[in-house]
Amino acid sequence: MGTKTADETGAKTGAETTIDEEKVHVTKTDAVTESATGAEAAEDTTADDTDTDVAEGATEARAASEGPTGVGQGAGAVVSAALGVVSLTGGWISTVASARETLDGQLHMSQTASVAAQIKVYGDAWHAAALWGGVFALLALVVGVVVLARPAFGAPGRPQAAWIKSVSWGGVALGVIGLLLAVLKYTDILLGLPSAG
């Protein structure tokens, strides 16, 4: 009923059998050719990988023998410029220090405080912001100068990259400007506090 015997499965005779055998023969030949091509490709890939590994090893050995690449100097230059920008814009630490000084002054001030005492509270906050700006400016200046002076103590014959010099000089310039502005703000020469009288 539901099962077929070997004779009922459609045994083929004559031309049909020959065509099927040719298909099988062609398929086997293609499979053999593909496996041979795959083996050759694997050998080529292995040879290419070996050549690449040898070339990379030679490049790394050459880089190690040449000395430092200047990555640290580049990072120092960028840090110097960033610190210079923070010294001019104030930054988060300066804002927090200023707000803290204001709060501290308000807590210690009485209800009947004079105008001069109230002005002093805000002056202290202004000075705290100037002080932190000066700290960041001084750090920018020091880091920039160290990066610029580093080649004098490094490998002879290795010039410093032009972009590192440019960014370092930018950090030094921002540090000098930030330090000057911080001193002017702290001494009340720039935007001084109003008088009480």
C-alpha atoms as a PDB file:
ATOM      1  CA  MET A   1       0.000   0.000   0.000  1.00  0.00           C
ATOM      2  CA  GLY A   2       2.268   2.771   1.090  1.00  0.00           C
ATOM      3  CA  THR A   3       5.527   0.981   0.373  1.00  0.00           C
ATOM      4  CA  LYS A   4       7.221   0.461  -2.935  1.00  0.00           C
ATOM      5  CA  THR A   5       9.486  -2.300  -3.930  1.00  0.00           C
ATOM      6  CA  ALA A   6      12.748  -1.916  -5.796  1.00  0.00           C
ATOM      7  CA  ASP A   7      11.076  -2.669  -9.093  1.00  0.00           C
ATOM      8  CA  GLU A   8       8.358  -0.096  -8.605  1.00  0.00           C
ATOM      9  CA  THR A   9      10.731   2.801  -7.829  1.00  0.00           C
ATOM     10  CA  GLY A  10      11.162   3.558 -11.452  1.00  0.00           C
ATOM     11  CA  ALA A  11      14.194   1.675 -12.631  1.00  0.00           C
ATOM     12  CA  LYS A  12      15.379   3.370 -15.755  1.00  0.00           C
ATOM     13  CA  THR A  13      16.548   1.689 -18.838  1.00  0.00           C
ATOM     14  CA  GLY A  14      18.606   2.584 -21.834  1.00  0.00           C
ATOM     15  CA  ALA A  15      19.190   6.275 -22.676  1.00  0.00           C
ATOM     16  CA  GLU A  16      17.872   7.627 -19.367  1.00  0.00           C
ATOM     17  CA  THR A  17      20.460   5.649 -17.431  1.00  0.00           C
ATOM     18  CA  THR A  18      23.311   6.904 -19.598  1.00  0.00           C
ATOM     19  CA  ILE A  19      22.309  10.561 -19.132  1.00  0.00           C
ATOM     20  CA  ASP A  20      22.164  10.141 -15.369  1.00  0.00           C
ATOM     21  CA  GLU A  21      25.585   8.499 -15.323  1.00  0.00           C
ATOM     22  CA  GLU A  22      27.045  11.370 -17.385  1.00  0.00           C
ATOM     23  CA  LYS A  23      25.575  13.874 -14.935  1.00  0.00           C
ATOM     24  CA  VAL A  24      27.142  12.016 -12.063  1.00  0.00           C
ATOM     25  CA  HIS A  25      30.487  11.825 -13.881  1.00  0.00           C
ATOM     26  CA  VAL A  26      30.456  15.561 -14.702  1.00  0.00           C
ATOM     27  CA  THR A  27      29.493  16.435 -11.141  1.00  0.00           C
ATOM     28  CA  LYS A  28      32.308  14.318  -9.748  1.00  0.00           C
ATOM     29  CA  THR A  29      34.823  15.952 -12.105  1.00  0.00           C
ATOM     30  CA  ASP A  30      33.659  19.459 -11.069  1.00  0.00           C
ATOM     31  CA  ALA A  31      33.934  18.538  -7.389  1.00  0.00           C
ATOM     32  CA  VAL A  32      37.464  17.207  -7.874  1.00  0.00           C
ATOM     33  CA  THR A  33      38.454  20.362  -9.789  1.00  0.00           C
ATOM     34  CA  GLU A  34      36.954  22.626  -7.114  1.00  0.00           C
ATOM     35  CA  SER A  35      38.728  20.783  -4.321  1.00  0.00           C
ATOM     36  CA  ALA A  36      42.041  21.003  -6.193  1.00  0.00           C
ATOM     37  CA  THR A  37      41.519  24.738  -6.790  1.00  0.00           C
ATOM     38  CA  GLY A  38      40.593  25.217  -3.131  1.00  0.00           C
ATOM     39  CA  ALA A  39      43.764  23.448  -2.004  1.00  0.00           C
ATOM     40  CA  GLU A  40      45.897  25.615  -4.310  1.00  0.00           C
ATOM     41  CA  ALA A  41      44.139  28.744  -3.060  1.00  0.00           C
ATOM     42  CA  ALA A  42      44.713  27.675   0.549  1.00  0.00           C
ATOM     43  CA  GLU A  43      48.414  27.199  -0.190  1.00  0.00           C
ATOM     44  CA  ASP A  44      48.548  30.635  -1.862  1.00  0.00           C
ATOM     45  CA  THR A  45      46.736  32.238   1.079  1.00  0.00           C
ATOM     46  CA  THR A  46      49.077  30.578   3.545  1.00  0.00           C
ATOM     47  CA  ALA A  47      52.078  31.803   1.567  1.00  0.00           C
ATOM     48  CA  ASP A  48      50.616  35.336   1.384  1.00  0.00           C
ATOM     49  CA  ASP A  49      49.906  35.325   5.150  1.00  0.00           C
ATOM     50  CA  THR A  50      53.453  34.206   5.836  1.00  0.00           C
ATOM     51  CA  ASP A  51      54.841  36.960   3.606  1.00  0.00           C
ATOM     52  CA  THR A  52      52.596  39.521   5.301  1.00  0.00           C
ATOM     53  CA  ASP A  53      53.647  38.352   8.781  1.00  0.00           C
ATOM     54  CA  VAL A  54      57.310  38.615   7.830  1.00  0.00           C
ATOM     55  CA  ALA A  55      56.791  42.122   6.383  1.00  0.00           C
ATOM     56  CA  GLU A  56      54.895  43.282   9.486  1.00  0.00           C
ATOM     57  CA  GLY A  57      57.587  41.863  11.741  1.00  0.00           C
ATOM     58  CA  ALA A  58      60.263  43.724   9.779  1.00  0.00           C
ATOM     59  CA  THR A  59      58.282  46.964   9.971  1.00  0.00           C
ATOM     60  CA  GLU A  60      57.819  46.611  13.742  1.00  0.00           C
ATOM     61  CA  ALA A  61      61.496  45.824  14.222  1.00  0.00           C
ATOM     62  CA  ARG A  62      62.453  48.845  12.127  1.00  0.00           C
ATOM     63  CA  ALA A  63      60.090  51.098  14.122  1.00  0.00           C
ATOM     64  CA  ALA A  64      61.489  49.790  17.407  1.00  0.00           C
ATOM     65  CA  SER A  65      65.059  50.424  16.273  1.00  0.00           C
ATOM     66  CA  GLU A  66      64.235  53.937  15.019  1.00  0.00           C
ATOM     67  CA  GLY A  67      63.019  55.068  18.442  1.00  0.00           C
ATOM     68  CA  PRO A  68      59.911  56.817  19.667  1.00  0.00           C
ATOM     69  CA  THR A  69      57.172  57.763  17.240  1.00  0.00           C
ATOM     70  CA  GLY A  70      56.138  61.030  18.868  1.00  0.00           C
ATOM     71  CA  VAL A  71      52.713  59.868  19.999  1.00  0.00           C
ATOM     72  CA  GLY A  72      53.363  61.057  23.547  1.00  0.00           C
ATOM     73  CA  GLN A  73      54.516  64.446  22.307  1.00  0.00           C
ATOM     74  CA  GLY A  74      51.389  64.767  20.173  1.00  0.00           C
ATOM     75  CA  ALA A  75      49.179  63.869  23.115  1.00  0.00           C
ATOM     76  CA  GLY A  76      51.000  66.390  25.306  1.00  0.00           C
ATOM     77  CA  ALA A  77      50.496  69.091  22.695  1.00  0.00           C
ATOM     78  CA  VAL A  78      46.759  68.400  22.514  1.00  0.00           C
ATOM     79  CA  VAL A  79      46.497  68.378  26.323  1.00  0.00           C
ATOM     80  CA  SER A  80      48.317  71.702  26.476  1.00  0.00           C
ATOM     81  CA  ALA A  81      45.912  73.296  23.997  1.00  0.00           C
ATOM     82  CA  ALA A  82      42.880  71.844  25.802  1.00  0.00           C
ATOM     83  CA  LEU A  83      44.070  73.144  29.167  1.00  0.00           C
ATOM     84  CA  GLY A  84      44.597  76.561  27.586  1.00  0.00           C
ATOM     85  CA  VAL A  85      41.022  76.598  26.298  1.00  0.00           C
ATOM     86  CA  VAL A  86      39.695  75.529  29.718  1.00  0.00           C
ATOM     87  CA  SER A  87      41.671  78.334  31.371  1.00  0.00           C
ATOM     88  CA  LEU A  88      39.947  80.881  29.134  1.00  0.00           C
ATOM     89  CA  THR A  89      36.420  79.483  29.285  1.00  0.00           C
ATOM     90  CA  GLY A  90      36.380  78.739  32.996  1.00  0.00           C
ATOM     91  CA  GLY A  91      35.480  75.089  32.964  1.00  0.00           C
ATOM     92  CA  TRP A  92      33.377  73.086  35.361  1.00  0.00           C
ATOM     93  CA  ILE A  93      35.794  73.205  38.316  1.00  0.00           C
ATOM     94  CA  SER A  94      35.953  76.987  38.179  1.00  0.00           C
ATOM     95  CA  THR A  95      32.164  77.236  38.139  1.00  0.00           C
ATOM     96  CA  VAL A  96      31.802  74.884  41.106  1.00  0.00           C
ATOM     97  CA  ALA A  97      34.483  76.729  43.090  1.00  0.00           C
ATOM     98  CA  SER A  98      32.805  80.060  42.364  1.00  0.00           C
ATOM     99  CA  ALA A  99      29.371  78.776  43.415  1.00  0.00           C
ATOM    100  CA  ARG A 100      30.858  77.268  46.565  1.00  0.00           C
ATOM    101  CA  GLU A 101      32.454  80.558  47.557  1.00  0.00           C
ATOM    102  CA  THR A 102      29.159  82.356  46.964  1.00  0.00           C
ATOM    103  CA  LEU A 103      27.247  79.852  49.087  1.00  0.00           C
ATOM    104  CA  ASP A 104      29.853  79.965  51.850  1.00  0.00           C
ATOM    105  CA  GLY A 105      29.746  83.752  51.896  1.00  0.00           C
ATOM    106  CA  GLN A 106      25.943  83.815  52.002  1.00  0.00           C
ATOM    107  CA  LEU A 107      25.858  81.349  54.880  1.00  0.00           C
ATOM    108  CA  HIS A 108      28.246  83.439  56.956  1.00  0.00           C
ATOM    109  CA  MET A 109      26.584  86.755  56.140  1.00  0.00           C
ATOM    110  CA  SER A 110      23.963  88.115  58.493  1.00  0.00           C
ATOM    111  CA  GLN A 111      20.621  89.571  57.457  1.00  0.00           C
ATOM    112  CA  THR A 112      21.740  93.076  58.296  1.00  0.00           C
ATOM    113  CA  ALA A 113      25.074  92.900  56.447  1.00  0.00           C
ATOM    114  CA  SER A 114      26.317  96.027  54.779  1.00  0.00           C
ATOM    115  CA  VAL A 115      26.559  96.468  51.031  1.00  0.00           C
ATOM    116  CA  ALA A 116      30.344  96.147  51.216  1.00  0.00           C
ATOM    117  CA  ALA A 117      30.003  92.746  52.918  1.00  0.00           C
ATOM    118  CA  GLN A 118      27.543  91.586  50.267  1.00  0.00           C
ATOM    119  CA  ILE A 119      29.869  92.729  47.472  1.00  0.00           C
ATOM    120  CA  LYS A 120      32.747  90.894  49.127  1.00  0.00           C
ATOM    121  CA  VAL A 121      30.777  87.618  48.895  1.00  0.00           C
ATOM    122  CA  TYR A 122      30.532  87.909  45.135  1.00  0.00           C
ATOM    123  CA  GLY A 123      34.097  89.191  44.878  1.00  0.00           C
ATOM    124  CA  ASP A 124      35.355  86.047  46.589  1.00  0.00           C
ATOM    125  CA  ALA A 125      33.505  83.931  44.031  1.00  0.00           C
ATOM    126  CA  TRP A 126      35.041  85.979  41.207  1.00  0.00           C
ATOM    127  CA  HIS A 127      38.493  85.490  42.707  1.00  0.00           C
ATOM    128  CA  ALA A 128      37.956  81.729  43.066  1.00  0.00           C
ATOM    129  CA  ALA A 129      37.047  81.490  39.370  1.00  0.00           C
ATOM    130  CA  ALA A 130      40.135  83.551  38.479  1.00  0.00           C
ATOM    131  CA  LEU A 131      42.329  81.356  40.650  1.00  0.00           C
ATOM    132  CA  TRP A 132      41.203  78.138  38.972  1.00  0.00           C
ATOM    133  CA  GLY A 133      41.547  79.725  35.544  1.00  0.00           C
ATOM    134  CA  GLY A 134      45.110  80.635  36.478  1.00  0.00           C
ATOM    135  CA  VAL A 135      45.852  77.064  37.591  1.00  0.00           C
ATOM    136  CA  PHE A 136      44.665  75.663  34.259  1.00  0.00           C
ATOM    137  CA  ALA A 137      46.594  78.341  32.355  1.00  0.00           C
ATOM    138  CA  LEU A 138      49.771  77.542  34.261  1.00  0.00           C
ATOM    139  CA  LEU A 139      49.335  73.819  33.553  1.00  0.00           C
ATOM    140  CA  ALA A 140      48.797  74.545  29.834  1.00  0.00           C
ATOM    141  CA  LEU A 141      51.917  76.678  29.780  1.00  0.00           C
ATOM    142  CA  VAL A 142      54.084  74.079  31.524  1.00  0.00           C
ATOM    143  CA  VAL A 143      52.862  71.139  29.415  1.00  0.00           C
ATOM    144  CA  GLY A 144      53.315  73.119  26.190  1.00  0.00           C
ATOM    145  CA  VAL A 145      56.863  74.141  27.092  1.00  0.00           C
ATOM    146  CA  VAL A 146      57.780  70.579  28.075  1.00  0.00           C
ATOM    147  CA  VAL A 147      56.502  69.249  24.732  1.00  0.00           C
ATOM    148  CA  LEU A 148      58.444  71.918  22.833  1.00  0.00           C
ATOM    149  CA  ALA A 149      61.633  71.243  24.825  1.00  0.00           C
ATOM    150  CA  ARG A 150      61.375  67.435  24.572  1.00  0.00           C
ATOM    151  CA  PRO A 151      63.249  67.034  21.242  1.00  0.00           C
ATOM    152  CA  ALA A 152      66.342  68.613  22.797  1.00  0.00           C
ATOM    153  CA  PHE A 153      66.547  65.670  25.186  1.00  0.00           C
ATOM    154  CA  GLY A 154      65.316  62.964  22.792  1.00  0.00           C
ATOM    155  CA  ALA A 155      66.817  60.998  19.931  1.00  0.00           C
ATOM    156  CA  PRO A 156      69.196  63.151  17.881  1.00  0.00           C
ATOM    157  CA  GLY A 157      68.346  63.550  14.232  1.00  0.00           C
ATOM    158  CA  ARG A 158      64.632  63.007  14.764  1.00  0.00           C
ATOM    159  CA  PRO A 159      62.785  66.226  14.111  1.00  0.00           C
ATOM    160  CA  GLN A 160      59.504  66.923  15.847  1.00  0.00           C
ATOM    161  CA  ALA A 161      56.437  66.816  13.613  1.00  0.00           C
ATOM    162  CA  ALA A 162      55.210  70.221  12.476  1.00  0.00           C
ATOM    163  CA  TRP A 163      51.697  69.707  13.792  1.00  0.00           C
ATOM    164  CA  ILE A 164      53.035  68.880  17.251  1.00  0.00           C
ATOM    165  CA  LYS A 165      55.003  72.140  17.297  1.00  0.00           C
ATOM    166  CA  SER A 166      51.987  74.118  16.097  1.00  0.00           C
ATOM    167  CA  VAL A 167      49.587  72.683  18.651  1.00  0.00           C
ATOM    168  CA  SER A 168      52.171  73.080  21.428  1.00  0.00           C
ATOM    169  CA  TRP A 169      52.753  76.721  20.547  1.00  0.00           C
ATOM    170  CA  GLY A 170      48.990  77.193  20.536  1.00  0.00           C
ATOM    171  CA  GLY A 171      48.786  75.670  24.022  1.00  0.00           C
ATOM    172  CA  VAL A 172      51.606  77.915  25.243  1.00  0.00           C
ATOM    173  CA  ALA A 173      49.929  81.006  23.776  1.00  0.00           C
ATOM    174  CA  LEU A 174      46.571  80.095  25.319  1.00  0.00           C
ATOM    175  CA  GLY A 175      48.313  79.435  28.635  1.00  0.00           C
ATOM    176  CA  VAL A 176      50.005  82.849  28.614  1.00  0.00           C
ATOM    177  CA  ILE A 177      46.758  84.633  27.721  1.00  0.00           C
ATOM    178  CA  GLY A 178      44.816  82.646  30.340  1.00  0.00           C
ATOM    179  CA  LEU A 179      47.427  83.358  33.004  1.00  0.00           C
ATOM    180  CA  LEU A 180      47.405  87.063  32.190  1.00  0.00           C
ATOM    181  CA  LEU A 181      43.601  87.216  32.344  1.00  0.00           C
ATOM    182  CA  ALA A 182      43.546  85.261  35.614  1.00  0.00           C
ATOM    183  CA  VAL A 183      45.970  87.691  37.237  1.00  0.00           C
ATOM    184  CA  LEU A 184      43.978  90.666  35.951  1.00  0.00           C
ATOM    185  CA  LYS A 185      40.698  89.206  37.272  1.00  0.00           C
ATOM    186  CA  TYR A 186      42.169  88.217  40.630  1.00  0.00           C
ATOM    187  CA  THR A 187      43.646  91.674  41.233  1.00  0.00           C
ATOM    188  CA  ASP A 188      40.375  93.360  40.144  1.00  0.00           C
ATOM    189  CA  ILE A 189      42.083  95.253  37.335  1.00  0.00           C
ATOM    190  CA  LEU A 190      39.838  93.549  34.804  1.00  0.00           C
ATOM    191  CA  LEU A 191      36.141  93.885  35.620  1.00  0.00           C
ATOM    192  CA  GLY A 192      36.709  94.937  39.204  1.00  0.00           C
ATOM    193  CA  LEU A 193      34.013  94.889  41.832  1.00  0.00           C
ATOM    194  CA  PRO A 194      31.809  97.955  42.263  1.00  0.00           C
ATOM    195  CA  SER A 195      32.480 100.224  45.194  1.00  0.00           C
ATOM    196  CA  ALA A 196      30.155 100.231  48.186  1.00  0.00           C
ATOM    197  CA  GLY A 197      29.898 104.002  48.465  1.00  0.00           C
END
